[in-house]
Amino acid sequence: MSEIRSPWEPDPDPAPEQQPAVPAPREPGTANVEPLHLPPLLPRRQNPWLVVEVDGTAASHQGLVWALREAARREATVVAVSVLDDPAGDPLDGSSRVLLRAQLAAHDRLEAHVLRAIAETGVRGRIRTSVLDRTVFEALTAATRGADLVVVGPRGKSVLRQAVPRPPARRLARGA
């Protein structure tokens, strides 16, 4: 039979203290070699991102449908964006609840448009949604028109520049 003990009583036969593991002896003249931990390798070219502004018009819906089909073809990710205009006046005036309420309402409308486009195309799992301020969206779209976009983060800086157009390739006749 087992006897009932109080939780405050010490164990009658405590386990012997664990001795720290002693490293295996090394041969003289050899260095202590530890495994090298490398960061994961990224593919040379990452999958593309398609940014689509959704404002509720028929044209933006068609753009979203096209982007979903293109994302399925190119293994890309679609970012459906709803853009909020900056409130007039001083940003410190007024209530932040109004801004939060406007963001949530815009996000709900955006999700509804995305669900409609998913139902039309059947493409799932390749879309993200975001509500952006007008200034952030203007910075992104300016990069598409030739402006440099510098993204500064905790891991460093990256510059996005528009590619320099190449002159058309000349085709040589066969046997020339």
N, C-alpha and C. Protein backbone atom coordinates (compact mmCIF):
# COMPACT_ATOMS: atom_id res chain seq x y z
N MET A 1 0.83 -1.18 0.00
CA MET A 1 0.00 0.00 0.00
C MET A 1 0.88 1.24 0.00
N SER A 2 0.36 2.27 -0.60
CA SER A 2 1.12 3.51 -0.58
C SER A 2 0.62 4.35 0.58
N GLU A 3 1.56 5.00 1.17
CA GLU A 3 1.16 5.82 2.31
C GLU A 3 0.93 7.25 1.86
N ILE A 4 0.02 7.90 2.49
CA ILE A 4 -0.33 9.26 2.14
C ILE A 4 0.63 10.19 2.87
N ARG A 5 1.26 11.09 2.07
CA ARG A 5 2.21 12.02 2.65
C ARG A 5 1.70 13.44 2.49
N SER A 6 2.15 14.27 3.33
CA SER A 6 1.82 15.68 3.25
C SER A 6 2.68 16.29 2.15
N PRO A 7 2.16 17.27 1.42
CA PRO A 7 2.99 17.89 0.37
C PRO A 7 4.18 18.64 0.93
N TRP A 8 4.21 18.91 2.24
CA TRP A 8 5.32 19.66 2.82
C TRP A 8 6.43 18.74 3.32
N GLU A 9 6.18 17.44 3.34
CA GLU A 9 7.21 16.52 3.79
C GLU A 9 8.20 16.28 2.67
N PRO A 10 9.48 16.16 3.00
CA PRO A 10 10.46 15.87 1.95
C PRO A 10 10.33 14.41 1.51
N ASP A 11 10.76 14.15 0.28
CA ASP A 11 10.76 12.78 -0.23
C ASP A 11 11.66 11.93 0.64
N PRO A 12 11.25 10.70 0.95
CA PRO A 12 12.09 9.86 1.77
C PRO A 12 13.38 9.46 1.06
N ASP A 13 13.36 9.30 -0.25
CA ASP A 13 14.56 8.90 -0.98
C ASP A 13 14.76 9.86 -2.15
N PRO A 14 15.32 11.04 -1.89
CA PRO A 14 15.48 11.99 -3.00
C PRO A 14 16.46 11.46 -4.04
N ALA A 15 16.23 11.87 -5.29
CA ALA A 15 17.11 11.46 -6.38
C ALA A 15 18.47 12.12 -6.19
N PRO A 16 19.54 11.43 -6.56
CA PRO A 16 20.87 12.04 -6.43
C PRO A 16 20.97 13.26 -7.35
N GLU A 17 21.74 14.21 -6.92
CA GLU A 17 21.90 15.45 -7.70
C GLU A 17 22.52 15.12 -9.05
N GLN A 18 21.99 15.79 -10.07
CA GLN A 18 22.50 15.57 -11.42
C GLN A 18 23.85 16.27 -11.55
N GLN A 19 24.80 15.55 -12.07
CA GLN A 19 26.11 16.13 -12.33
C GLN A 19 26.08 16.77 -13.72
N PRO A 20 26.70 17.93 -13.87
CA PRO A 20 26.72 18.51 -15.21
C PRO A 20 27.49 17.60 -16.16
N ALA A 21 27.02 17.58 -17.42
CA ALA A 21 27.66 16.73 -18.41
C ALA A 21 29.08 17.20 -18.65
N VAL A 22 29.99 16.28 -18.65
CA VAL A 22 31.40 16.58 -18.88
C VAL A 22 31.66 16.38 -20.36
N PRO A 23 32.22 17.40 -21.02
CA PRO A 23 32.49 17.22 -22.44
C PRO A 23 33.52 16.11 -22.66
N ALA A 24 33.36 15.45 -23.79
CA ALA A 24 34.31 14.38 -24.13
C ALA A 24 35.70 14.98 -24.29
N PRO A 25 36.72 14.25 -23.89
CA PRO A 25 38.09 14.79 -24.03
C PRO A 25 38.43 14.98 -25.50
N ARG A 26 39.13 16.06 -25.78
CA ARG A 26 39.55 16.36 -27.15
C ARG A 26 40.99 15.95 -27.34
N GLU A 27 41.31 15.70 -28.59
CA GLU A 27 42.70 15.42 -28.91
C GLU A 27 43.46 16.73 -28.85
N PRO A 28 44.70 16.69 -28.44
CA PRO A 28 45.48 17.94 -28.40
C PRO A 28 45.64 18.52 -29.80
N GLY A 29 45.50 19.83 -29.86
CA GLY A 29 45.69 20.53 -31.13
C GLY A 29 44.43 20.65 -31.97
N THR A 30 43.29 20.15 -31.50
CA THR A 30 42.06 20.29 -32.28
C THR A 30 41.21 21.40 -31.67
N ALA A 31 40.55 22.13 -32.51
CA ALA A 31 39.71 23.25 -32.05
C ALA A 31 38.30 22.74 -31.76
N ASN A 32 37.61 23.44 -30.89
CA ASN A 32 36.23 23.11 -30.58
C ASN A 32 35.37 23.60 -31.74
N VAL A 33 34.75 22.71 -32.47
CA VAL A 33 33.98 23.06 -33.66
C VAL A 33 32.50 23.01 -33.31
N GLU A 34 31.81 24.11 -33.58
CA GLU A 34 30.38 24.18 -33.35
C GLU A 34 29.68 24.24 -34.70
N PRO A 35 28.43 23.78 -34.76
CA PRO A 35 27.71 23.85 -36.04
C PRO A 35 27.46 25.30 -36.43
N LEU A 36 27.50 25.55 -37.71
CA LEU A 36 27.28 26.89 -38.25
C LEU A 36 25.81 27.02 -38.60
N HIS A 37 25.13 28.01 -38.06
CA HIS A 37 23.72 28.24 -38.33
C HIS A 37 23.60 29.33 -39.40
N LEU A 38 23.10 28.95 -40.57
CA LEU A 38 22.94 29.88 -41.68
C LEU A 38 21.48 30.31 -41.77
N PRO A 39 21.24 31.55 -42.20
CA PRO A 39 19.84 31.96 -42.42
C PRO A 39 19.26 31.17 -43.57
N PRO A 40 17.95 30.99 -43.60
CA PRO A 40 17.36 30.21 -44.69
C PRO A 40 17.60 30.90 -46.03
N LEU A 41 17.82 30.09 -47.04
CA LEU A 41 18.06 30.62 -48.38
C LEU A 41 16.74 31.06 -48.99
N LEU A 42 16.76 32.22 -49.60
CA LEU A 42 15.58 32.72 -50.30
C LEU A 42 15.78 32.49 -51.79
N PRO A 43 14.71 32.27 -52.50
CA PRO A 43 14.87 32.12 -53.94
C PRO A 43 15.42 33.41 -54.54
N ARG A 44 16.10 33.27 -55.65
CA ARG A 44 16.68 34.45 -56.27
C ARG A 44 15.62 35.50 -56.56
N ARG A 45 14.51 35.04 -57.01
CA ARG A 45 13.42 35.97 -57.31
C ARG A 45 12.19 35.52 -56.53
N GLN A 46 11.71 36.39 -55.68
CA GLN A 46 10.55 36.03 -54.88
C GLN A 46 9.29 36.14 -55.72
N ASN A 47 8.24 35.49 -55.23
CA ASN A 47 6.97 35.54 -55.94
C ASN A 47 6.47 36.98 -56.01
N PRO A 48 5.84 37.35 -57.12
CA PRO A 48 5.39 38.75 -57.27
C PRO A 48 4.19 39.08 -56.39
N TRP A 49 4.03 40.36 -56.17
CA TRP A 49 2.88 40.91 -55.44
C TRP A 49 2.12 41.81 -56.39
N LEU A 50 0.82 41.70 -56.40
CA LEU A 50 -0.03 42.55 -57.22
C LEU A 50 -0.86 43.42 -56.29
N VAL A 51 -0.67 44.73 -56.36
CA VAL A 51 -1.42 45.66 -55.52
C VAL A 51 -2.57 46.23 -56.34
N VAL A 52 -3.79 46.09 -55.82
CA VAL A 52 -4.98 46.53 -56.55
C VAL A 52 -5.77 47.48 -55.65
N GLU A 53 -6.01 48.69 -56.15
CA GLU A 53 -6.86 49.62 -55.41
C GLU A 53 -8.32 49.28 -55.70
N VAL A 54 -9.08 49.07 -54.63
CA VAL A 54 -10.50 48.74 -54.77
C VAL A 54 -11.29 49.90 -54.20
N ASP A 55 -12.06 50.58 -55.09
CA ASP A 55 -12.84 51.72 -54.63
C ASP A 55 -14.34 51.53 -54.84
N GLY A 56 -14.74 50.33 -55.26
CA GLY A 56 -16.17 50.05 -55.42
C GLY A 56 -16.69 50.24 -56.82
N THR A 57 -15.87 50.73 -57.73
CA THR A 57 -16.32 50.92 -59.11
C THR A 57 -16.22 49.61 -59.88
N ALA A 58 -16.89 49.58 -61.04
CA ALA A 58 -16.84 48.39 -61.88
C ALA A 58 -15.43 48.16 -62.41
N ALA A 59 -14.72 49.24 -62.70
CA ALA A 59 -13.35 49.11 -63.21
C ALA A 59 -12.43 48.50 -62.16
N SER A 60 -12.58 48.90 -60.91
CA SER A 60 -11.72 48.33 -59.87
C SER A 60 -12.06 46.86 -59.62
N HIS A 61 -13.35 46.50 -59.77
CA HIS A 61 -13.73 45.09 -59.63
C HIS A 61 -13.10 44.26 -60.74
N GLN A 62 -13.14 44.76 -61.97
CA GLN A 62 -12.51 44.04 -63.08
C GLN A 62 -11.01 43.92 -62.88
N GLY A 63 -10.38 44.96 -62.34
CA GLY A 63 -8.95 44.90 -62.04
C GLY A 63 -8.64 43.85 -60.98
N LEU A 64 -9.50 43.73 -59.97
CA LEU A 64 -9.32 42.74 -58.92
C LEU A 64 -9.49 41.33 -59.47
N VAL A 65 -10.47 41.13 -60.33
CA VAL A 65 -10.69 39.82 -60.95
C VAL A 65 -9.48 39.44 -61.80
N TRP A 66 -8.99 40.39 -62.61
CA TRP A 66 -7.80 40.12 -63.42
C TRP A 66 -6.61 39.77 -62.54
N ALA A 67 -6.41 40.52 -61.45
CA ALA A 67 -5.27 40.28 -60.57
C ALA A 67 -5.34 38.90 -59.92
N LEU A 68 -6.54 38.47 -59.52
CA LEU A 68 -6.67 37.13 -58.94
C LEU A 68 -6.32 36.04 -59.95
N ARG A 69 -6.78 36.19 -61.17
CA ARG A 69 -6.45 35.20 -62.20
C ARG A 69 -4.95 35.22 -62.52
N GLU A 70 -4.39 36.41 -62.57
CA GLU A 70 -2.95 36.53 -62.84
C GLU A 70 -2.14 35.95 -61.68
N ALA A 71 -2.60 36.15 -60.45
CA ALA A 71 -1.90 35.59 -59.29
C ALA A 71 -1.92 34.07 -59.32
N ALA A 72 -3.01 33.48 -59.75
CA ALA A 72 -3.07 32.02 -59.86
C ALA A 72 -2.11 31.53 -60.94
N ARG A 73 -1.98 32.29 -62.02
CA ARG A 73 -1.10 31.90 -63.11
C ARG A 73 0.37 32.05 -62.74
N ARG A 74 0.71 33.12 -62.01
CA ARG A 74 2.11 33.42 -61.71
C ARG A 74 2.53 33.07 -60.29
N GLU A 75 1.66 32.40 -59.53
CA GLU A 75 1.93 32.08 -58.12
C GLU A 75 2.27 33.34 -57.34
N ALA A 76 1.45 34.35 -57.51
CA ALA A 76 1.66 35.65 -56.88
C ALA A 76 0.66 35.84 -55.74
N THR A 77 0.82 36.94 -55.03
CA THR A 77 -0.09 37.33 -53.96
C THR A 77 -0.72 38.66 -54.33
N VAL A 78 -2.03 38.74 -54.19
CA VAL A 78 -2.76 39.98 -54.47
C VAL A 78 -2.96 40.72 -53.15
N VAL A 79 -2.68 42.00 -53.16
CA VAL A 79 -2.98 42.86 -52.01
C VAL A 79 -4.07 43.82 -52.46
N ALA A 80 -5.29 43.57 -52.00
CA ALA A 80 -6.41 44.45 -52.31
C ALA A 80 -6.37 45.59 -51.29
N VAL A 81 -6.38 46.81 -51.79
CA VAL A 81 -6.17 47.99 -50.96
C VAL A 81 -7.36 48.92 -51.07
N SER A 82 -7.84 49.36 -49.92
CA SER A 82 -8.83 50.43 -49.86
C SER A 82 -8.09 51.65 -49.32
N VAL A 83 -8.25 52.78 -49.97
CA VAL A 83 -7.49 53.97 -49.61
C VAL A 83 -8.40 54.95 -48.89
N LEU A 84 -7.96 55.39 -47.71
CA LEU A 84 -8.69 56.39 -46.94
C LEU A 84 -8.03 57.75 -47.14
N ASP A 85 -8.85 58.74 -47.37
CA ASP A 85 -8.33 60.10 -47.49
C ASP A 85 -7.99 60.63 -46.11
N ASP A 86 -7.00 61.51 -46.07
CA ASP A 86 -6.61 62.11 -44.80
C ASP A 86 -7.73 63.01 -44.30
N PRO A 87 -7.99 62.99 -43.00
CA PRO A 87 -9.01 63.91 -42.49
C PRO A 87 -8.51 65.34 -42.61
N ALA A 88 -9.43 66.23 -42.89
CA ALA A 88 -9.06 67.65 -43.04
C ALA A 88 -8.68 68.23 -41.69
N GLY A 89 -7.74 69.14 -41.71
CA GLY A 89 -7.36 69.81 -40.47
C GLY A 89 -6.22 69.11 -39.75
N ASP A 90 -6.07 69.50 -38.49
CA ASP A 90 -5.00 68.99 -37.65
C ASP A 90 -5.26 67.53 -37.28
N PRO A 91 -4.29 66.62 -37.49
CA PRO A 91 -4.54 65.22 -37.14
C PRO A 91 -4.70 65.00 -35.64
N LEU A 92 -4.25 65.95 -34.82
CA LEU A 92 -4.39 65.79 -33.38
C LEU A 92 -5.77 66.23 -32.90
N ASP A 93 -6.48 66.99 -33.72
CA ASP A 93 -7.85 67.35 -33.37
C ASP A 93 -8.76 66.17 -33.69
N GLY A 94 -9.91 66.16 -33.11
CA GLY A 94 -10.90 65.14 -33.44
C GLY A 94 -10.62 63.84 -32.72
N SER A 95 -11.53 62.95 -32.88
CA SER A 95 -11.47 61.69 -32.17
C SER A 95 -10.81 60.62 -33.02
N SER A 96 -9.98 59.80 -32.38
CA SER A 96 -9.38 58.68 -33.09
C SER A 96 -10.39 57.57 -33.29
N ARG A 97 -11.49 57.59 -32.50
CA ARG A 97 -12.54 56.59 -32.69
C ARG A 97 -13.21 56.76 -34.04
N VAL A 98 -13.36 58.00 -34.48
CA VAL A 98 -13.96 58.25 -35.79
C VAL A 98 -13.06 57.65 -36.87
N LEU A 99 -11.75 57.85 -36.73
CA LEU A 99 -10.82 57.30 -37.71
C LEU A 99 -10.85 55.78 -37.68
N LEU A 100 -10.90 55.20 -36.50
CA LEU A 100 -10.95 53.75 -36.37
C LEU A 100 -12.25 53.21 -36.97
N ARG A 101 -13.35 53.89 -36.71
CA ARG A 101 -14.63 53.47 -37.27
C ARG A 101 -14.60 53.54 -38.79
N ALA A 102 -13.99 54.57 -39.35
CA ALA A 102 -13.89 54.71 -40.81
C ALA A 102 -13.01 53.60 -41.39
N GLN A 103 -11.93 53.26 -40.70
CA GLN A 103 -11.05 52.18 -41.17
C GLN A 103 -11.77 50.84 -41.15
N LEU A 104 -12.50 50.58 -40.07
CA LEU A 104 -13.23 49.31 -39.98
C LEU A 104 -14.32 49.21 -41.04
N ALA A 105 -15.01 50.31 -41.29
CA ALA A 105 -16.05 50.30 -42.32
C ALA A 105 -15.43 50.09 -43.71
N ALA A 106 -14.30 50.74 -43.96
CA ALA A 106 -13.62 50.57 -45.26
C ALA A 106 -13.12 49.14 -45.41
N HIS A 107 -12.63 48.55 -44.32
CA HIS A 107 -12.15 47.17 -44.38
C HIS A 107 -13.30 46.20 -44.65
N ASP A 108 -14.45 46.44 -44.05
CA ASP A 108 -15.61 45.58 -44.30
C ASP A 108 -16.07 45.66 -45.76
N ARG A 109 -16.09 46.88 -46.31
CA ARG A 109 -16.46 47.04 -47.72
C ARG A 109 -15.45 46.34 -48.63
N LEU A 110 -14.17 46.46 -48.28
CA LEU A 110 -13.11 45.83 -49.07
C LEU A 110 -13.25 44.31 -49.04
N GLU A 111 -13.50 43.75 -47.86
CA GLU A 111 -13.68 42.29 -47.74
C GLU A 111 -14.86 41.82 -48.58
N ALA A 112 -15.94 42.61 -48.63
CA ALA A 112 -17.11 42.23 -49.43
C ALA A 112 -16.74 42.20 -50.92
N HIS A 113 -15.97 43.19 -51.39
CA HIS A 113 -15.55 43.20 -52.80
C HIS A 113 -14.64 42.02 -53.10
N VAL A 114 -13.76 41.70 -52.17
CA VAL A 114 -12.85 40.57 -52.37
C VAL A 114 -13.62 39.26 -52.44
N LEU A 115 -14.58 39.08 -51.55
CA LEU A 115 -15.38 37.85 -51.56
C LEU A 115 -16.15 37.71 -52.88
N ARG A 116 -16.63 38.82 -53.40
CA ARG A 116 -17.34 38.79 -54.69
C ARG A 116 -16.40 38.38 -55.82
N ALA A 117 -15.17 38.90 -55.80
CA ALA A 117 -14.19 38.55 -56.84
C ALA A 117 -13.74 37.09 -56.70
N ILE A 118 -13.60 36.60 -55.48
CA ILE A 118 -13.22 35.20 -55.26
C ILE A 118 -14.33 34.28 -55.79
N ALA A 119 -15.58 34.64 -55.53
CA ALA A 119 -16.69 33.84 -56.03
C ALA A 119 -16.72 33.81 -57.55
N GLU A 120 -16.34 34.92 -58.17
CA GLU A 120 -16.35 34.99 -59.63
C GLU A 120 -15.21 34.20 -60.25
N THR A 121 -14.03 34.22 -59.62
CA THR A 121 -12.86 33.57 -60.22
C THR A 121 -12.60 32.16 -59.69
N GLY A 122 -12.99 31.91 -58.45
CA GLY A 122 -12.68 30.62 -57.84
C GLY A 122 -11.27 30.52 -57.29
N VAL A 123 -10.51 31.61 -57.35
CA VAL A 123 -9.13 31.63 -56.86
C VAL A 123 -9.16 31.97 -55.38
N ARG A 124 -8.59 31.08 -54.56
CA ARG A 124 -8.58 31.29 -53.10
C ARG A 124 -7.17 31.25 -52.58
N GLY A 125 -6.97 31.87 -51.43
CA GLY A 125 -5.69 31.77 -50.73
C GLY A 125 -4.57 32.61 -51.26
N ARG A 126 -4.82 33.44 -52.23
CA ARG A 126 -3.75 34.26 -52.80
C ARG A 126 -4.00 35.74 -52.60
N ILE A 127 -4.84 36.10 -51.64
CA ILE A 127 -5.20 37.51 -51.51
C ILE A 127 -5.11 37.97 -50.07
N ARG A 128 -4.65 39.18 -49.89
CA ARG A 128 -4.59 39.86 -48.60
C ARG A 128 -5.31 41.19 -48.77
N THR A 129 -5.82 41.73 -47.67
CA THR A 129 -6.50 43.02 -47.74
C THR A 129 -5.84 44.00 -46.79
N SER A 130 -5.93 45.27 -47.14
CA SER A 130 -5.35 46.30 -46.30
C SER A 130 -6.04 47.63 -46.56
N VAL A 131 -6.17 48.40 -45.51
CA VAL A 131 -6.69 49.77 -45.63
C VAL A 131 -5.49 50.69 -45.42
N LEU A 132 -5.23 51.53 -46.41
CA LEU A 132 -4.06 52.42 -46.37
C LEU A 132 -4.49 53.88 -46.32
N ASP A 133 -3.63 54.67 -45.71
CA ASP A 133 -3.81 56.13 -45.79
C ASP A 133 -3.42 56.59 -47.18
N ARG A 134 -3.97 57.68 -47.59
CA ARG A 134 -3.71 58.23 -48.92
C ARG A 134 -2.21 58.48 -49.13
N THR A 135 -1.49 58.95 -48.12
CA THR A 135 -0.07 59.26 -48.29
C THR A 135 0.76 58.01 -48.59
N VAL A 136 0.45 56.89 -47.95
CA VAL A 136 1.19 55.65 -48.20
C VAL A 136 0.91 55.15 -49.62
N PHE A 137 -0.35 55.21 -50.02
CA PHE A 137 -0.70 54.77 -51.37
C PHE A 137 -0.06 55.65 -52.43
N GLU A 138 0.00 56.96 -52.19
CA GLU A 138 0.65 57.86 -53.15
C GLU A 138 2.14 57.57 -53.28
N ALA A 139 2.78 57.18 -52.17
CA ALA A 139 4.21 56.82 -52.24
C ALA A 139 4.41 55.57 -53.09
N LEU A 140 3.51 54.60 -52.94
CA LEU A 140 3.62 53.37 -53.74
C LEU A 140 3.37 53.64 -55.22
N THR A 141 2.34 54.42 -55.51
CA THR A 141 2.03 54.68 -56.91
C THR A 141 3.06 55.61 -57.56
N ALA A 142 3.71 56.47 -56.78
CA ALA A 142 4.77 57.32 -57.33
C ALA A 142 5.95 56.47 -57.80
N ALA A 143 6.20 55.35 -57.10
CA ALA A 143 7.27 54.46 -57.52
C ALA A 143 6.97 53.83 -58.87
N THR A 144 5.71 53.65 -59.20
CA THR A 144 5.37 53.08 -60.50
C THR A 144 5.54 54.09 -61.62
N ARG A 145 5.59 55.39 -61.27
CA ARG A 145 5.75 56.43 -62.28
C ARG A 145 7.18 56.94 -62.36
N GLY A 146 8.14 56.24 -61.72
CA GLY A 146 9.54 56.61 -61.88
C GLY A 146 10.21 57.14 -60.64
N ALA A 147 9.48 57.45 -59.59
CA ALA A 147 10.12 57.94 -58.36
C ALA A 147 10.78 56.78 -57.63
N ASP A 148 11.90 57.07 -56.97
CA ASP A 148 12.55 56.05 -56.15
C ASP A 148 11.75 55.86 -54.88
N LEU A 149 11.62 54.62 -54.45
CA LEU A 149 10.96 54.31 -53.20
C LEU A 149 12.00 53.62 -52.32
N VAL A 150 12.34 54.24 -51.21
CA VAL A 150 13.31 53.67 -50.28
C VAL A 150 12.53 53.15 -49.08
N VAL A 151 12.68 51.87 -48.81
CA VAL A 151 12.01 51.24 -47.67
C VAL A 151 13.07 50.98 -46.62
N VAL A 152 12.89 51.57 -45.44
CA VAL A 152 13.85 51.43 -44.35
C VAL A 152 13.19 50.59 -43.27
N GLY A 153 13.84 49.53 -42.89
CA GLY A 153 13.31 48.64 -41.87
C GLY A 153 14.40 48.22 -40.91
N PRO A 154 14.07 47.36 -39.96
CA PRO A 154 15.07 46.94 -38.99
C PRO A 154 16.19 46.12 -39.60
N ARG A 155 15.98 45.55 -40.77
CA ARG A 155 17.02 44.74 -41.41
C ARG A 155 17.83 45.50 -42.44
N GLY A 156 17.56 46.78 -42.61
CA GLY A 156 18.33 47.56 -43.57
C GLY A 156 17.43 48.38 -44.48
N LYS A 157 18.04 48.82 -45.58
CA LYS A 157 17.34 49.68 -46.54
C LYS A 157 17.26 48.96 -47.88
N SER A 158 16.17 49.23 -48.59
CA SER A 158 16.01 48.72 -49.95
C SER A 158 15.50 49.85 -50.82
N VAL A 159 15.97 49.87 -52.05
CA VAL A 159 15.56 50.91 -52.99
C VAL A 159 14.82 50.23 -54.13
N LEU A 160 13.65 50.76 -54.44
CA LEU A 160 12.88 50.29 -55.57
C LEU A 160 12.93 51.38 -56.63
N ARG A 161 13.52 51.04 -57.76
CA ARG A 161 13.61 51.98 -58.88
C ARG A 161 12.96 51.36 -60.09
N GLN A 162 12.43 52.22 -60.92
CA GLN A 162 11.84 51.73 -62.15
C GLN A 162 12.94 51.22 -63.07
N ALA A 163 12.69 50.11 -63.72
CA ALA A 163 13.70 49.52 -64.61
C ALA A 163 13.92 50.43 -65.81
N VAL A 164 15.16 50.48 -66.25
CA VAL A 164 15.51 51.27 -67.43
C VAL A 164 15.07 50.46 -68.64
N PRO A 165 14.29 51.08 -69.53
CA PRO A 165 13.82 50.32 -70.69
C PRO A 165 15.00 49.94 -71.60
N ARG A 166 14.96 48.73 -72.10
CA ARG A 166 16.00 48.27 -73.02
C ARG A 166 15.59 48.61 -74.45
N PRO A 167 16.57 48.89 -75.27
CA PRO A 167 16.22 49.14 -76.68
C PRO A 167 15.72 47.84 -77.30
N PRO A 168 14.84 47.95 -78.30
CA PRO A 168 14.33 46.72 -78.92
C PRO A 168 15.47 45.91 -79.52
N ALA A 169 15.39 44.61 -79.37
CA ALA A 169 16.43 43.72 -79.89
C ALA A 169 16.33 43.64 -81.41
N ARG A 170 17.50 43.65 -82.03
CA ARG A 170 17.52 43.51 -83.49
C ARG A 170 17.56 42.03 -83.82
N ARG A 171 16.75 41.65 -84.75
CA ARG A 171 16.73 40.24 -85.16
C ARG A 171 17.58 40.11 -86.40
N LEU A 172 18.45 39.13 -86.37
CA LEU A 172 19.27 38.86 -87.54
C LEU A 172 18.61 37.79 -88.39
N ALA A 173 18.76 37.94 -89.67
CA ALA A 173 18.22 36.92 -90.59
C ALA A 173 19.00 35.64 -90.41
N ARG A 174 18.33 34.52 -90.60
CA ARG A 174 19.01 33.22 -90.48
C ARG A 174 20.10 33.10 -91.52
N GLY A 175 21.22 32.58 -91.08
CA GLY A 175 22.33 32.35 -91.98
C GLY A 175 23.16 33.60 -92.22
N ALA A 176 22.84 34.68 -91.55
CA ALA A 176 23.58 35.91 -91.76
C ALA A 176 24.89 35.89 -91.02
